[in-house]
Amino acid sequence: MSTPTSNPRKITLITGGSRGLGRNAALAVAARGGDLIVTWRSRRDEADAVVAEAERLGARAVALQLDVGDSASFPGFAEAVRDALRKHWQRERFDHLVNNAGVGVHAAFADTTEAQFDELVNVHLKGPFFLTQALLPLLNDGGRIVNISSGLARFALPGYAAYAAMKGAMEVLTRYQAKELGSRRITSNIVAPGAIETDFGGGTVRDNAEVNAFIASQTALGRVGLPDDIGPVIASVLSEDNRWVNAQRIEASGGMFL
C-alpha cells in the first residue's frame, strides 16, 4: 500500500458502517480502491471487523464512535475525524460522506408515539442535517455526499408513515445540499434501497418467509434485495465516473411496485 504522503486514494466516511448496508458499502468502497472512516454506535467489535476486512482489501481504515441521534456530540466527533485524518493519512480533509446510519420503527400512523417520531427525526433527519454541517469544513472541495432514502418514500406500506416521512425530507434536503454546495463542486445524491435482507427493523424482510415472498412477488426481478445489491451502488455514485450526477434520487429496488 502506498505511503500516506503519496496516497491518492479517496477517503470515505460512512456513518453506521459497522453493519448492514453501511458495512457492505464500506467494503465496496475498499474494493474499489478507497480508504475509510466508519462509525459505530454500540458494537465496536463489528466496526473492528469491518476495518480488518477493509485492510485485507488494501484499504486504510479507521473506526470512530458516533451516535447520529445526538447532535450535541457532533463538534467533538468532527475533532475526532480531524485527529484521525492527521494521524492515519497526514491529511486535513476527507473526500466522501455517506449518511447511512439509521434505525427502523414499524408502527401504524394512528399508533406512532411522539417518542418514536422524535427518535426518527433525530437519527434520520436532524442527525444527517447537522452532522453534514459540522463536517463541511473537513470535506474536500469537489467531494461527494450520498444520503440514504428508502423505496418507502415513493410507495406506501402500512406501518412506515413516520420513517418514510423522514426519508422524504432527506430527498428534499439532498437537492438543497446540491444547490448550496455546488460552488464548492460538492455533489449530493440520495440512494433509495428497496426491501433488503438485513437485520434492519428486526430482520423482518430477511426472516419472515411470508413477507419475503410477498415482496419478491411485487419486484420486477423476482426476489428481495441483498446487501450486495446496494453497497456497489453507493460506491458507484461516489466514483469519478458519476461526477456529473447531482441532486438525484437513485432507487435500487429491483423494480418494486412498478
Protein backbone atom coordinates (compact mmCIF):
# COMPACT_ATOMS: atom_id res chain seq x y z
CA MET A 1 0.00 0.00 0.00
CA SER A 2 1.25 3.49 -0.81
CA THR A 3 2.51 5.75 1.94
CA PRO A 4 0.09 8.40 3.20
CA THR A 5 2.07 11.25 1.69
CA SER A 6 1.84 9.83 -1.83
CA ASN A 7 -1.51 8.08 -1.47
CA PRO A 8 -4.10 9.46 -3.91
CA ARG A 9 -6.86 7.22 -2.53
CA LYS A 10 -10.11 8.92 -1.65
CA ILE A 11 -11.27 8.80 1.98
CA THR A 12 -14.94 7.98 2.55
CA LEU A 13 -16.69 8.49 5.88
CA ILE A 14 -19.68 6.16 6.30
CA THR A 15 -21.96 6.52 9.31
CA GLY A 16 -23.29 3.23 10.58
CA GLY A 17 -20.56 1.50 8.60
CA SER A 18 -20.18 -1.37 11.04
CA ARG A 19 -23.17 -3.44 9.91
CA GLY A 20 -25.85 -3.95 7.26
CA LEU A 21 -25.84 -1.72 4.21
CA GLY A 22 -23.18 0.56 5.71
CA ARG A 23 -20.80 -2.35 6.10
CA ASN A 24 -21.49 -3.51 2.57
CA ALA A 25 -20.93 -0.02 1.20
CA ALA A 26 -17.67 0.30 3.13
CA LEU A 27 -16.30 -2.93 1.71
CA ALA A 28 -17.44 -1.97 -1.79
CA VAL A 29 -15.55 1.32 -1.45
CA ALA A 30 -12.46 -0.51 -0.19
CA ALA A 31 -12.62 -3.00 -3.05
CA ARG A 32 -12.64 -0.08 -5.50
CA GLY A 33 -9.50 1.45 -4.02
CA GLY A 34 -10.88 3.80 -1.38
CA ASP A 35 -9.92 4.37 2.24
CA LEU A 36 -12.47 4.51 5.04
CA ILE A 37 -13.65 6.07 8.25
CA VAL A 38 -16.59 4.03 9.55
CA THR A 39 -18.70 4.87 12.57
CA TRP A 40 -20.28 2.62 15.16
CA ARG A 41 -22.69 3.36 17.98
CA SER A 42 -22.76 0.33 20.29
CA ARG A 43 -20.82 -2.56 18.72
CA ARG A 44 -17.12 -1.74 18.49
CA ASP A 45 -16.37 -5.38 17.65
CA GLU A 46 -18.42 -5.18 14.45
CA ALA A 47 -16.67 -1.98 13.41
CA ASP A 48 -13.26 -3.52 14.10
CA ALA A 49 -14.21 -6.48 11.91
CA VAL A 50 -15.09 -4.12 9.03
CA VAL A 51 -11.77 -2.30 9.47
CA ALA A 52 -9.89 -5.61 9.38
CA GLU A 53 -11.71 -6.78 6.26
CA ALA A 54 -11.17 -3.43 4.53
CA GLU A 55 -7.47 -3.64 5.33
CA ARG A 56 -7.33 -7.10 3.77
CA LEU A 57 -8.68 -5.44 0.62
CA GLY A 58 -5.78 -2.98 0.71
CA ALA A 59 -7.56 -0.04 2.31
CA ARG A 60 -6.52 2.14 5.19
CA ALA A 61 -9.49 2.18 7.59
CA VAL A 62 -10.43 3.65 10.97
CA ALA A 63 -13.49 3.17 13.20
CA LEU A 64 -14.89 6.03 15.31
CA GLN A 65 -17.82 6.00 17.72
CA LEU A 66 -20.82 8.17 16.86
CA ASP A 67 -24.46 8.42 17.89
CA VAL A 68 -26.13 10.15 14.95
CA GLY A 69 -29.16 10.84 17.15
CA ASP A 70 -27.08 13.02 19.49
CA SER A 71 -26.36 16.24 17.63
CA ALA A 72 -24.64 17.76 20.67
CA SER A 73 -21.82 15.28 20.12
CA PHE A 74 -21.06 16.41 16.56
CA PRO A 75 -18.43 19.07 17.31
CA GLY A 76 -16.46 16.52 19.31
CA PHE A 77 -16.88 13.95 16.57
CA ALA A 78 -15.61 16.41 13.98
CA GLU A 79 -12.49 16.87 16.10
CA ALA A 80 -12.07 13.08 16.27
CA VAL A 81 -12.28 12.94 12.47
CA ARG A 82 -9.72 15.73 12.19
CA ASP A 83 -7.37 13.87 14.53
CA ALA A 84 -7.83 10.60 12.63
CA LEU A 85 -7.08 12.28 9.30
CA ARG A 86 -3.87 13.75 10.65
CA LYS A 87 -2.77 10.57 12.42
CA HIS A 88 -3.55 7.99 9.74
CA TRP A 89 -3.34 9.94 6.50
CA GLN A 90 -1.40 13.13 7.34
CA ARG A 91 -4.25 14.98 5.67
CA GLU A 92 -6.66 17.69 6.75
CA ARG A 93 -9.74 16.66 4.78
CA PHE A 94 -11.68 13.66 3.55
CA ASP A 95 -13.49 13.24 0.23
CA HIS A 96 -16.84 11.49 0.58
CA LEU A 97 -19.59 11.44 3.21
CA VAL A 98 -22.25 8.72 3.28
CA ASN A 99 -25.08 9.43 5.74
CA ASN A 100 -26.17 5.85 6.24
CA ALA A 101 -26.79 5.25 9.96
CA GLY A 102 -30.40 4.59 10.83
CA VAL A 103 -32.97 2.82 12.95
CA GLY A 104 -36.23 1.18 11.99
CA VAL A 105 -39.61 1.85 13.60
CA HIS A 106 -42.70 -0.04 12.45
CA ALA A 107 -45.92 1.41 13.79
CA ALA A 108 -49.28 2.32 12.29
CA PHE A 109 -49.83 6.05 11.79
CA ALA A 110 -52.57 6.03 14.45
CA ASP A 111 -50.31 4.29 16.97
CA THR A 112 -46.97 6.06 16.40
CA THR A 113 -45.83 7.66 19.64
CA GLU A 114 -44.15 11.04 19.97
CA ALA A 115 -41.07 9.29 21.34
CA GLN A 116 -40.85 7.07 18.25
CA PHE A 117 -41.34 10.07 15.99
CA ASP A 118 -38.67 12.09 17.80
CA GLU A 119 -36.19 9.23 17.57
CA LEU A 120 -36.71 9.02 13.82
CA VAL A 121 -36.34 12.78 13.43
CA ASN A 122 -33.10 12.78 15.41
CA VAL A 123 -31.50 9.85 13.62
CA HIS A 124 -32.81 10.20 10.07
CA LEU A 125 -33.22 13.96 9.57
CA LYS A 126 -31.75 16.20 12.27
CA GLY A 127 -28.69 13.97 12.59
CA PRO A 128 -27.68 13.94 8.90
CA PHE A 129 -28.53 17.64 8.58
CA PHE A 130 -26.30 18.85 11.39
CA LEU A 131 -23.62 16.17 11.05
CA THR A 132 -23.06 17.16 7.43
CA GLN A 133 -22.97 20.79 8.52
CA ALA A 134 -20.37 20.01 11.21
CA LEU A 135 -18.19 18.06 8.76
CA LEU A 136 -18.32 20.53 5.87
CA PRO A 137 -15.04 22.23 6.88
CA LEU A 138 -13.34 18.82 6.63
CA LEU A 139 -14.93 17.78 3.32
CA ASN A 140 -12.78 18.43 0.28
CA ASP A 141 -13.96 20.76 -2.47
CA GLY A 142 -15.08 18.51 -5.31
CA GLY A 143 -16.24 15.94 -2.77
CA ARG A 144 -19.34 13.77 -2.65
CA ILE A 145 -22.29 13.43 -0.30
CA VAL A 146 -24.54 10.39 -0.53
CA ASN A 147 -27.63 10.29 1.65
CA ILE A 148 -29.82 7.23 2.11
CA SER A 149 -33.56 7.19 1.50
CA SER A 150 -35.95 4.28 1.02
CA GLY A 151 -38.32 2.94 -1.56
CA LEU A 152 -40.97 3.73 1.05
CA ALA A 153 -40.67 7.41 0.13
CA ARG A 154 -42.13 6.50 -3.31
CA PHE A 155 -44.64 3.78 -2.43
CA ALA A 156 -46.63 3.36 0.79
CA LEU A 157 -46.80 0.32 3.05
CA PRO A 158 -48.73 0.43 6.34
CA GLY A 159 -46.61 0.98 9.41
CA TYR A 160 -43.93 3.23 7.96
CA ALA A 161 -45.55 6.67 7.88
CA ALA A 162 -43.06 8.36 10.20
CA TYR A 163 -39.99 6.58 8.83
CA ALA A 164 -40.91 7.32 5.23
CA ALA A 165 -41.66 10.95 6.06
CA MET A 166 -38.08 11.38 7.30
CA LYS A 167 -36.74 9.82 4.13
CA GLY A 168 -38.90 12.10 2.01
CA ALA A 169 -37.47 15.06 3.88
CA MET A 170 -33.94 13.78 3.22
CA GLU A 171 -34.72 13.66 -0.50
CA VAL A 172 -35.64 17.34 -0.43
CA LEU A 173 -32.58 18.18 1.69
CA THR A 174 -30.36 16.41 -0.84
CA ARG A 175 -31.46 18.78 -3.58
CA TYR A 176 -30.80 21.79 -1.38
CA GLN A 177 -27.35 20.49 -0.49
CA ALA A 178 -26.56 20.07 -4.17
CA LYS A 179 -27.72 23.62 -4.88
CA GLU A 180 -25.95 25.31 -1.99
CA LEU A 181 -22.70 23.32 -2.10
CA GLY A 182 -22.32 23.47 -5.87
CA SER A 183 -19.95 26.43 -5.56
CA ARG A 184 -17.51 24.05 -3.87
CA ARG A 185 -18.11 21.43 -6.59
CA ILE A 186 -19.58 19.08 -3.97
CA THR A 187 -22.29 16.80 -5.32
CA SER A 188 -25.16 15.48 -3.23
CA ASN A 189 -27.26 12.49 -4.25
CA ILE A 190 -29.54 10.09 -2.42
CA VAL A 191 -29.77 6.31 -2.84
CA ALA A 192 -33.14 4.71 -2.07
CA PRO A 193 -32.92 0.95 -1.42
CA GLY A 194 -35.98 -1.22 -1.67
CA ALA A 195 -36.60 -4.05 0.77
CA ILE A 196 -33.28 -5.68 1.70
CA GLU A 197 -32.47 -8.83 3.66
CA THR A 198 -30.67 -7.37 6.70
CA ASP A 199 -31.30 -7.19 10.45
CA PHE A 200 -32.75 -3.68 9.97
CA GLY A 201 -36.09 -3.25 11.71
CA GLY A 202 -35.71 -6.58 13.44
CA GLY A 203 -34.87 -8.50 10.27
CA THR A 204 -38.48 -8.90 9.14
CA VAL A 205 -37.70 -8.90 5.42
CA ARG A 206 -34.94 -11.45 5.90
CA ASP A 207 -36.57 -13.74 8.46
CA ASN A 208 -40.32 -13.65 7.76
CA ALA A 209 -40.90 -16.01 4.84
CA GLU A 210 -44.36 -14.62 4.09
CA VAL A 211 -43.13 -11.02 3.94
CA ASN A 212 -40.15 -12.06 1.86
CA ALA A 213 -42.31 -13.93 -0.64
CA PHE A 214 -44.76 -11.02 -0.94
CA ILE A 215 -42.00 -8.53 -1.68
CA ALA A 216 -40.42 -10.87 -4.20
CA SER A 217 -43.78 -11.19 -5.96
CA GLN A 218 -44.02 -7.39 -6.24
CA THR A 219 -40.48 -6.90 -7.57
CA ALA A 220 -39.75 -6.99 -11.31
CA LEU A 221 -36.58 -9.02 -10.81
CA GLY A 222 -38.48 -11.60 -8.75
CA ARG A 223 -36.58 -11.57 -5.47
CA VAL A 224 -35.84 -9.49 -2.38
CA GLY A 225 -32.73 -7.35 -2.38
CA LEU A 226 -29.46 -8.31 -0.70
CA PRO A 227 -26.84 -6.02 0.86
CA ASP A 228 -24.54 -6.83 -2.07
CA ASP A 229 -27.11 -5.17 -4.34
CA ILE A 230 -26.76 -1.82 -2.54
CA GLY A 231 -23.15 -1.33 -1.46
CA PRO A 232 -21.82 -1.25 -5.03
CA VAL A 233 -24.49 1.31 -5.99
CA ILE A 234 -23.29 3.66 -3.25
CA ALA A 235 -19.66 3.12 -4.24
CA SER A 236 -20.55 3.81 -7.86
CA VAL A 237 -22.30 7.09 -7.05
CA LEU A 238 -19.14 8.18 -5.20
CA SER A 239 -16.91 7.37 -8.15
CA GLU A 240 -15.41 9.85 -10.57
CA ASP A 241 -17.43 8.20 -13.34
CA ASN A 242 -20.54 9.77 -11.79
CA ARG A 243 -19.10 13.24 -11.18
CA TRP A 244 -21.86 14.86 -13.29
CA VAL A 245 -24.68 13.12 -11.41
CA ASN A 246 -26.01 15.60 -8.87
CA ALA A 247 -29.22 16.20 -6.86
CA GLN A 248 -30.61 12.82 -7.97
CA ARG A 249 -32.70 10.17 -6.24
CA ILE A 250 -31.36 6.78 -7.30
CA GLU A 251 -33.66 3.91 -6.39
CA ALA A 252 -32.08 0.47 -6.07
CA SER A 253 -35.07 -1.81 -5.54
CA GLY A 254 -35.01 -4.31 -8.39
CA GLY A 255 -38.20 -2.65 -9.63
CA MET A 256 -40.56 -2.79 -6.65
CA PHE A 257 -44.23 -1.90 -7.12
CA LEU A 258 -43.96 -0.80 -10.73
